[in-house]
Protein backbone atom coordinates (compact mmCIF):
# COMPACT_ATOMS: atom_id res chain seq x y z
CA MET A 1 -18.99 23.93 -8.35
CA LEU A 2 -19.02 21.53 -11.13
CA ASP A 3 -16.39 23.40 -12.94
CA ILE A 4 -14.35 23.38 -9.93
CA ALA A 5 -14.85 19.47 -9.28
CA ALA A 6 -13.87 18.93 -12.86
CA ALA A 7 -10.72 21.10 -12.86
CA CYS A 8 -9.53 19.33 -9.92
CA LEU A 9 -10.23 15.70 -11.34
CA VAL A 10 -8.60 16.83 -14.66
CA VAL A 11 -5.43 18.12 -12.95
CA THR A 12 -4.84 15.26 -10.40
CA ALA A 13 -5.65 12.52 -13.22
CA LEU A 14 -2.61 14.09 -15.24
CA LEU A 15 -0.46 14.43 -12.63
CA ALA A 16 -1.16 10.99 -11.67
CA TYR A 17 -0.24 9.88 -15.18
CA ILE A 18 2.98 11.75 -15.23
CA ASN A 19 3.81 10.36 -11.47
CA HIS A 20 3.09 6.62 -13.04
CA ARG A 21 4.84 7.59 -16.39
CA PHE A 22 7.92 9.28 -15.43
CA ILE A 23 8.71 9.47 -11.93
CA GLY A 24 7.40 6.29 -9.93
CA LEU A 25 6.59 7.61 -6.31
CA PRO A 26 3.73 6.32 -4.40
CA THR A 27 0.40 7.85 -5.96
CA THR A 28 -0.26 10.75 -3.36
CA ILE A 29 3.23 11.68 -2.15
CA GLY A 30 3.81 11.79 -6.38
CA VAL A 31 1.05 13.90 -7.16
CA MET A 32 1.74 16.17 -4.31
CA VAL A 33 5.38 16.52 -5.76
CA THR A 34 4.36 17.18 -9.18
CA ALA A 35 1.63 19.81 -8.03
CA LEU A 36 4.20 21.61 -5.69
CA ALA A 37 6.81 21.66 -8.02
CA PHE A 38 4.48 23.08 -10.85
CA SER A 39 3.42 26.08 -8.42
CA LEU A 40 6.76 26.72 -7.12
CA ALA A 41 8.00 27.03 -10.85
CA LEU A 42 5.05 29.58 -11.25
CA VAL A 43 6.16 31.24 -8.46
CA ALA A 44 9.48 31.54 -9.65
CA LEU A 45 8.37 32.76 -13.27
CA ASP A 46 5.77 35.44 -11.80
CA ALA A 47 8.66 36.73 -9.87
CA ALA A 48 10.75 36.99 -13.15
CA GLY A 49 7.97 38.90 -14.65
CA ILE A 50 7.27 35.55 -16.82
CA ALA A 51 3.79 33.55 -17.02
CA THR A 52 2.24 35.84 -14.94
CA GLU A 53 -1.16 35.14 -16.46
CA LEU A 54 -0.85 31.33 -15.53
CA HIS A 55 0.00 32.13 -11.87
CA ASP A 56 -2.62 34.55 -11.25
CA TYR A 57 -5.09 31.86 -12.88
CA GLU A 58 -3.87 29.16 -10.61
CA GLU A 59 -4.14 31.67 -7.71
CA SER A 60 -7.56 32.91 -8.31
CA PHE A 61 -8.67 29.11 -8.84
CA LEU A 62 -7.28 28.25 -5.46
CA ARG A 63 -9.03 30.99 -3.65
CA SER A 64 -12.04 30.09 -5.32
CA ILE A 65 -11.98 26.76 -3.25
CA ASP A 66 -12.74 26.57 0.47
CA PHE A 67 -10.09 24.08 1.13
CA SER A 68 -11.27 23.73 4.88
CA GLU A 69 -14.91 23.30 3.67
CA VAL A 70 -14.18 21.04 0.84
CA LEU A 71 -12.10 18.60 3.30
CA MET A 72 -13.91 19.16 6.40
CA GLN A 73 -17.36 19.07 4.92
CA GLY A 74 -16.73 17.09 1.80
CA MET A 75 -14.01 14.70 1.65
CA LEU A 76 -13.28 13.75 5.52
CA SER A 77 -16.43 11.69 6.16
CA LEU A 78 -15.74 9.72 2.89
CA LEU A 79 -11.97 9.06 3.57
CA LEU A 80 -12.36 8.40 7.47
CA PHE A 81 -14.91 5.73 6.80
CA ALA A 82 -12.87 4.22 3.90
CA GLY A 83 -9.84 3.98 5.99
CA ALA A 84 -11.45 2.35 9.05
CA LEU A 85 -13.58 0.13 6.98
CA HIS A 86 -10.44 -1.95 6.60
CA VAL A 87 -9.45 -2.19 10.33
CA ASP A 88 -9.89 -5.46 12.23
CA LEU A 89 -11.82 -4.39 15.09
CA SER A 90 -11.09 -7.96 16.80
CA GLU A 91 -7.44 -7.49 16.45
CA LEU A 92 -7.75 -3.67 17.23
CA ARG A 93 -9.75 -4.62 20.55
CA ALA A 94 -6.27 -6.33 21.91
CA TYR A 95 -4.84 -2.95 21.78
CA ARG A 96 -7.72 -0.62 22.76
CA TRP A 97 -6.01 0.61 26.08
CA GLN A 98 -2.98 1.51 24.04
CA VAL A 99 -4.62 3.43 21.34
CA GLY A 100 -6.78 5.19 23.66
CA ALA A 101 -3.72 6.33 25.93
CA LEU A 102 -1.85 7.72 22.58
CA ALA A 103 -5.07 9.30 21.09
CA LEU A 104 -6.47 10.95 24.03
CA VAL A 105 -3.30 11.67 26.45
CA GLY A 106 -0.65 11.71 23.66
CA THR A 107 -2.94 14.44 21.48
CA ALA A 108 -3.32 16.60 24.71
CA LEU A 109 0.02 16.67 26.07
CA SER A 110 1.48 17.43 22.81
CA THR A 111 -0.97 20.19 22.31
CA ALA A 112 0.42 21.83 25.38
CA ILE A 113 4.28 20.73 24.64
CA VAL A 114 3.98 22.39 21.12
CA GLY A 115 2.03 25.47 22.08
CA GLY A 116 4.20 26.00 24.69
CA GLY A 117 7.35 25.28 23.22
CA MET A 118 6.26 27.41 20.04
CA TRP A 119 5.31 30.30 22.17
CA LEU A 120 8.77 30.48 23.87
CA LEU A 121 10.62 29.98 20.77
CA LEU A 122 9.18 31.96 17.96
CA PRO A 123 10.26 35.26 19.36
CA LEU A 124 13.85 34.07 18.26
CA ALA A 125 12.68 34.03 14.69
CA GLY A 126 11.23 37.35 14.93
CA PHE A 127 7.46 36.46 15.62
CA ALA A 128 5.49 37.30 18.80
CA VAL A 129 2.55 35.03 18.41
CA PRO A 130 0.10 34.90 21.42
CA LEU A 131 0.02 31.64 23.58
CA LEU A 132 -3.45 31.20 22.72
CA TYR A 133 -2.76 31.19 18.80
CA CYS A 134 0.44 28.64 19.76
CA LEU A 135 -1.89 26.26 21.57
CA LEU A 136 -4.20 26.33 18.73
CA PHE A 137 -1.35 25.40 16.65
CA GLY A 138 -0.35 22.45 18.83
CA ALA A 139 -3.93 21.38 18.61
CA LEU A 140 -4.08 21.23 14.98
CA ILE A 141 -0.52 19.84 14.18
CA SER A 142 -0.48 17.07 17.07
CA PRO A 143 -2.84 14.49 15.71
CA THR A 144 -1.57 12.27 13.19
CA ASP A 145 -3.73 12.74 9.71
CA PRO A 146 -5.25 9.25 9.45
CA ILE A 147 -5.65 10.15 5.45
CA ALA A 148 -1.79 10.53 5.40
CA VAL A 149 -0.97 7.73 7.62
CA MET A 150 -2.78 5.14 6.14
CA SER A 151 -2.02 5.86 2.44
CA ILE A 152 1.65 6.07 3.17
CA LEU A 153 1.49 2.98 5.43
CA LYS A 154 0.04 0.81 2.82
CA SER A 155 3.75 0.55 1.15
CA ALA A 156 5.87 0.91 4.87
CA ARG A 157 5.24 -3.02 5.25
CA ALA A 158 5.31 -2.54 8.67
CA PRO A 159 4.41 -5.65 11.44
CA LYS A 160 0.47 -6.04 11.40
CA ASN A 161 0.28 -5.23 15.16
CA LEU A 162 2.40 -2.09 14.72
CA GLU A 163 0.23 -0.77 11.83
CA LEU A 164 -3.05 -1.58 13.50
CA VAL A 165 -1.79 0.62 16.54
CA ILE A 166 -0.25 3.31 14.38
CA SER A 167 -3.76 3.53 11.85
CA GLY A 168 -6.06 3.05 15.16
CA GLU A 169 -4.25 6.00 17.11
CA SER A 170 -4.37 8.25 13.54
CA LEU A 171 -8.22 7.46 13.33
CA PHE A 172 -8.99 8.79 16.84
CA ASN A 173 -6.35 11.25 17.80
CA ASP A 174 -7.84 13.18 14.77
CA GLY A 175 -11.21 13.36 16.31
CA VAL A 176 -9.65 14.37 19.86
CA GLY A 177 -7.41 17.06 17.97
CA VAL A 178 -10.39 18.58 16.01
CA VAL A 179 -12.20 18.86 19.44
CA LEU A 180 -9.35 20.29 21.14
CA PHE A 181 -9.08 22.77 18.50
CA SER A 182 -12.39 23.75 18.87
CA ILE A 183 -12.57 24.24 22.21
CA LEU A 184 -9.34 26.90 21.82
CA LEU A 185 -11.20 28.54 18.86
CA ALA A 186 -14.32 29.02 21.10
CA THR A 187 -12.08 30.49 23.60
CA LEU A 188 -10.47 32.68 20.94
CA ALA A 189 -13.91 33.73 19.74
CA SER A 190 -15.39 34.77 23.20
CA GLY A 191 -12.42 36.03 24.90
CA VAL A 192 -13.52 34.09 27.80
CA THR A 193 -11.20 30.88 29.29
CA PRO A 194 -13.51 28.13 29.90
CA THR A 195 -12.80 26.01 33.23
CA MET A 196 -11.84 22.36 33.64
CA GLY A 197 -15.29 21.45 34.08
CA GLN A 198 -16.54 23.17 30.92
CA ALA A 199 -13.78 21.88 28.73
CA PHE A 200 -14.28 18.30 30.10
CA GLU A 201 -18.00 18.80 29.37
CA LEU A 202 -17.55 19.93 25.91
CA LEU A 203 -15.04 17.28 24.87
CA LEU A 204 -17.48 14.57 26.52
CA HIS A 205 -20.12 16.17 24.47
CA GLU A 206 -18.45 16.27 21.05
CA ALA A 207 -16.31 13.14 21.31
CA GLY A 208 -18.61 10.96 23.40
CA GLY A 209 -21.61 12.17 21.39
CA GLY A 210 -19.83 11.66 18.41
CA ILE A 211 -19.04 8.00 19.33
CA LEU A 212 -22.79 7.42 20.57
CA PHE A 213 -24.06 8.61 17.13
CA GLY A 214 -21.64 6.60 15.34
CA LEU A 215 -22.56 3.42 17.00
CA VAL A 216 -26.25 4.37 16.41
CA VAL A 217 -26.09 5.19 12.60
CA GLY A 218 -23.65 2.03 12.28
CA TYR A 219 -26.44 -0.36 14.02
CA ILE A 220 -29.11 1.09 11.65
CA LEU A 221 -27.11 0.50 8.91
CA PHE A 222 -26.07 -2.88 9.46
CA LEU A 223 -29.89 -3.83 10.14
CA MET A 224 -30.53 -2.41 6.70
CA LEU A 225 -27.54 -4.07 4.94
CA ARG A 226 -28.73 -7.52 6.77
CA SER A 227 -32.40 -7.25 5.33
CA ILE A 228 -31.37 -7.28 1.83
CA ASP A 229 -29.19 -8.85 -0.64
CA SER A 230 -28.59 -6.16 -3.52
CA TYR A 231 -24.72 -5.11 -3.87
CA VAL A 232 -26.13 -1.62 -5.65
CA VAL A 233 -28.34 -0.65 -3.18
CA GLU A 234 -25.94 -1.91 -0.25
CA VAL A 235 -23.13 0.23 -1.42
CA MET A 236 -25.49 3.16 -1.87
CA LEU A 237 -26.78 2.76 1.80
CA THR A 238 -23.32 3.19 2.78
CA LEU A 239 -22.77 5.90 0.90
CA ALA A 240 -25.88 7.67 2.28
CA ALA A 241 -25.15 6.88 5.87
CA VAL A 242 -21.65 8.55 5.26
CA LEU A 243 -22.63 11.66 3.74
CA GLY A 244 -26.01 12.04 5.68
CA GLY A 245 -24.36 10.95 9.30
CA TYR A 246 -21.61 13.35 8.99
CA ALA A 247 -24.10 16.08 8.04
CA LEU A 248 -26.18 15.21 10.65
CA ALA A 249 -23.43 15.14 13.41
CA SER A 250 -22.31 18.46 12.32
CA THR A 251 -26.08 20.07 12.82
CA LEU A 252 -25.87 18.18 16.34
CA HIS A 253 -22.28 19.40 17.20
CA ILE A 254 -20.84 16.18 18.22
CA SER A 255 -17.59 15.15 16.22
CA GLY A 256 -18.39 13.95 12.90
CA PRO A 257 -14.90 12.31 12.20
CA LEU A 258 -15.12 10.12 15.38
CA ALA A 259 -18.60 9.20 14.20
CA MET A 260 -17.58 7.99 10.74
CA VAL A 261 -14.76 6.09 12.25
CA VAL A 262 -16.87 4.11 14.45
CA VAL A 263 -19.41 3.54 11.54
CA GLY A 264 -16.67 2.30 9.32
CA LEU A 265 -15.34 -0.09 12.08
CA MET A 266 -18.77 -1.60 12.51
CA ILE A 267 -19.65 -2.22 9.02
CA GLY A 268 -16.15 -3.37 8.04
CA ASN A 269 -16.14 -5.94 10.83
CA HIS A 270 -19.95 -6.98 11.68
CA GLY A 271 -21.46 -5.70 8.48
CA ARG A 272 -18.86 -7.37 6.35
CA ALA A 273 -19.37 -10.57 8.23
CA ARG A 274 -22.90 -11.11 9.11
CA ALA A 275 -25.14 -8.74 6.46
CA MET A 276 -23.14 -9.10 3.34
CA SER A 277 -23.23 -11.78 0.38
CA ASP A 278 -19.65 -12.67 -1.20
CA THR A 279 -20.71 -10.40 -4.19
CA THR A 280 -21.74 -7.55 -2.16
CA ARG A 281 -18.41 -7.73 -0.18
CA ARG A 282 -16.51 -7.57 -3.44
CA TYR A 283 -17.87 -4.52 -4.99
CA LEU A 284 -18.46 -2.56 -1.58
CA ASP A 285 -14.39 -3.23 -1.18
CA MET A 286 -13.84 -1.99 -4.70
CA PHE A 287 -16.01 1.08 -4.69
CA TRP A 288 -14.68 2.37 -1.26
CA GLU A 289 -11.10 1.80 -2.23
CA LEU A 290 -11.62 3.65 -5.61
CA VAL A 291 -13.08 6.42 -3.67
CA ASP A 292 -10.60 6.34 -0.97
CA ASP A 293 -7.69 6.30 -3.80
CA ILE A 294 -9.37 9.08 -5.89
CA LEU A 295 -10.16 11.56 -3.02
CA ASN A 296 -6.73 10.93 -1.73
CA ALA A 297 -4.99 11.85 -4.51
CA VAL A 298 -7.21 15.00 -5.39
CA LEU A 299 -6.42 15.90 -1.66
CA PHE A 300 -2.62 15.92 -1.89
CA VAL A 301 -2.98 17.64 -5.29
CA LEU A 302 -4.39 20.61 -3.66
CA ILE A 303 -2.20 20.50 -0.83
CA GLY A 304 0.70 20.79 -3.22
CA MET A 305 -0.95 23.73 -5.10
CA GLU A 306 -1.65 25.36 -2.09
CA VAL A 307 1.90 26.89 -1.37
CA ILE A 308 1.14 29.62 -4.18
CA LEU A 309 -0.99 31.09 -1.37
CA ILE A 310 1.66 30.77 1.34
CA THR A 311 3.77 34.04 2.05
CA LEU A 312 7.31 32.39 2.58
CA SER A 313 10.27 34.42 3.57
CA TRP A 314 13.39 33.44 5.47
CA SER A 315 12.22 34.48 8.93
CA VAL A 316 9.22 32.28 8.02
CA LEU A 317 11.60 29.06 7.01
CA LEU A 318 13.59 29.72 10.16
CA ALA A 319 10.45 29.53 12.10
CA ALA A 320 9.10 26.53 10.07
CA SER A 321 12.59 24.75 10.85
CA VAL A 322 11.63 25.37 14.94
CA ALA A 323 7.94 24.10 14.43
CA ILE A 324 9.15 20.76 12.66
CA LEU A 325 11.79 20.37 15.48
CA VAL A 326 9.30 21.32 18.49
CA THR A 327 6.36 18.86 16.77
CA LEU A 328 8.60 16.21 16.38
CA LEU A 329 10.10 16.64 19.85
CA ALA A 330 6.41 16.70 21.35
CA ARG A 331 5.90 13.33 19.25
CA LEU A 332 8.95 11.43 20.91
CA LEU A 333 7.97 12.77 24.55
CA THR A 334 4.36 11.64 24.12
CA VAL A 335 4.32 8.69 21.94
CA GLY A 336 7.78 7.62 21.41
CA LEU A 337 9.38 7.38 25.13
CA PRO A 338 6.26 5.77 26.45
CA VAL A 339 6.10 2.83 23.95
CA ALA A 340 9.77 2.65 24.24
CA ALA A 341 9.53 2.63 28.33
CA PHE A 342 6.32 0.05 28.39
CA THR A 343 7.02 -2.15 25.58
CA ALA A 344 5.71 -4.94 27.08
CA THR A 345 2.48 -3.19 27.91
CA PHE A 346 2.00 -1.89 24.67
CA LYS A 347 2.82 -5.39 23.09
CA LEU A 348 4.81 -4.14 20.47
CA PRO A 349 8.14 -4.99 18.86
CA LYS A 350 11.40 -3.27 20.60
CA GLY A 351 11.79 -0.56 17.78
CA ALA A 352 8.34 0.40 17.44
CA TRP A 353 9.03 3.59 19.31
CA LYS A 354 10.84 5.02 16.16
CA VAL A 355 8.38 3.79 13.85
CA LEU A 356 5.62 5.66 15.86
CA THR A 357 7.71 8.69 16.63
CA TRP A 358 8.72 8.94 12.72
CA GLY A 359 5.56 7.82 11.54
CA GLY A 360 3.26 10.68 13.14
CA LEU A 361 2.47 12.00 9.54
CA ARG A 362 0.52 15.23 9.23
CA GLY A 363 -1.66 16.07 6.47
CA GLY A 364 -4.52 18.09 4.90
CA ILE A 365 -6.69 18.17 8.32
CA SER A 366 -4.09 19.90 9.68
CA VAL A 367 -4.09 22.65 7.04
CA ALA A 368 -7.81 22.93 6.85
CA LEU A 369 -7.89 23.75 10.52
CA ALA A 370 -5.26 26.44 9.98
CA LEU A 371 -7.40 27.95 7.26
CA SER A 372 -10.44 28.12 9.65
CA LEU A 373 -8.80 30.57 12.05
CA PRO A 374 -10.00 34.22 11.76
CA PRO A 375 -8.05 36.23 9.25
CA GLY A 376 -4.75 37.97 10.67
CA SER A 377 -1.39 38.24 11.07
CA GLU A 378 -1.18 35.57 13.58
CA ARG A 379 -3.36 33.09 11.20
CA ASP A 380 -0.84 33.97 8.17
CA VAL A 381 1.84 32.77 10.86
CA VAL A 382 -0.10 29.54 11.67
CA LEU A 383 -0.78 28.63 8.33
CA ALA A 384 2.71 29.02 7.06
CA LEU A 385 3.94 26.95 9.91
CA THR A 386 1.25 24.28 9.41
CA TYR A 387 2.01 23.88 5.41
CA CYS A 388 5.86 23.80 6.10
CA VAL A 389 5.25 20.87 8.77
CA VAL A 390 2.75 19.19 6.56
CA LEU A 391 5.19 19.37 3.86
CA PHE A 392 8.30 17.95 5.59
CA SER A 393 5.83 15.32 7.34
CA ILE A 394 5.05 13.81 3.88
CA LEU A 395 7.84 14.27 1.62
CA VAL A 396 10.77 13.56 4.16
CA GLN A 397 8.85 11.33 6.74
CA GLY A 398 6.36 9.72 4.47
CA LEU A 399 9.38 8.93 1.92
CA THR A 400 11.63 7.38 4.57
CA ILE A 401 9.04 5.58 6.85
CA GLY A 402 9.49 2.63 5.07
CA LYS A 403 13.30 2.59 5.50
CA VAL A 404 12.61 3.36 9.38
CA THR A 405 10.21 0.47 9.96
CA ARG A 406 12.47 -1.98 8.12
CA ALA A 407 15.28 -1.07 10.27
CA ALA A 408 13.55 -1.03 13.48
CA VAL A 409 12.22 -4.22 12.89
CA ARG A 410 15.27 -5.98 11.74
CA ASN A 411 17.19 -4.42 14.66
CA ALA A 412 14.59 -5.10 17.19
C-alpha cells in the first residue's frame, strides 16, 4: 500500500510540474491530460511492438489499485468534507428548495431518461445491453461529480448565486445517485425488483440516515472544537471525524457521502464562526485546501491513466458518442429546462440554464461506481461508456465552462 501511495504521489507531482511549467492548464485538468496522453502513447507504442514492458508495467500497476475502493472508501470522504467546508450555509439556505429539487427529482428523472434512452439506442451501435444495466449507467452518470465541479468552478468565475446552486446541487445529488445505484445494484444481485415502498424505504434509510448521522457527528465535533483552543488538536479532530465518521456510516449502511457533506457544512459555518480562533481557522483552511488540491490531482491522474485498461473500438466510440448526447439531453431536460422555465422561482440570472446544463460535470465517482459492477461483458460496455462520458465532461465541458458562463451572464 505504501509503495502504491508513493508511486501515485510521485507521478502526480511530476505531471503537475510538467503542466505548471510547460502547459498551463488548470492543475486538475492539466495532470489528467498529461496522464491520458502518456497512457495513449504507451498503448500506441505497445501496438507497434515498442516499449511493451513499460505498457505492461503501467497496466499491472493500475490493476493493483482498486480504483473504486480507493475513491469510495478513501478519498471521497476527505474531498466532500473539504468541498462543503467553504459553502456558505446562510446563502445556501435561501436556495434549499431549488437545490433539493435539482438533486433529488432531477437525478431520479435523469436516471430514467438516460437508462431508457441508452436501452433504446445502444442496439443501433451493436450492443444489446439489458435495461437494468442501462438504468445502472443512468444512475452513476446522472449526478454531477462535486469533486470535478468544485475544482473546475474555481476558474469559471460564475456569479455567486449561480456557483452556490451548482456546487450545492453537486454535493447532494452525488449522495442521491449513489443510493439509486445501490438500489439498482441490489436488484441486479438478487434478481428481485423492489416495490416502490421498499425502494422509498431504502432511500429514506440511506439518504435520511446519512443526513441525520452527519448532523450528530457535526454537532459532537462542534462541541469538542468549542471546548479547546489548539489548532493542532482541532485540525486532527476534523480529520478523525471525517475518516472515522465515513467508516462508521458505511458500517451502518447509510450514506457516507451525504453525512460528510452535512459535517462539512456544519463545521464550515457554525464551527468556523463559534468554535475556532482566528489562528485555528487559518490553519484549518490551509490544511483542507492542501488535502483537497493534492487528492484532486491524484484522482485526476488516475482517471487519465485508467484509459489503458479500457477496451476501445469504433463501435464503442460510436456508442460513447450516443451516451454523451443522451447524457447532455437528460441534463437539459431535468435541469436546464426547469431553470429556464422558472427563472424567477430559482432566483438565478436568465442565462443560468445554459451554465447549469453545460456545467454538469462527471468525474471519478462515476468511474468508481462503474468499476464496482460485477464482471461481465455488460460491465465492460458500461465502464467504457462511463469513461468516455467522463473524459468529454472534464476535457470539453470543463475547459469551456468559463466561456459559457461569461457569455450567459453577459447576455442575461
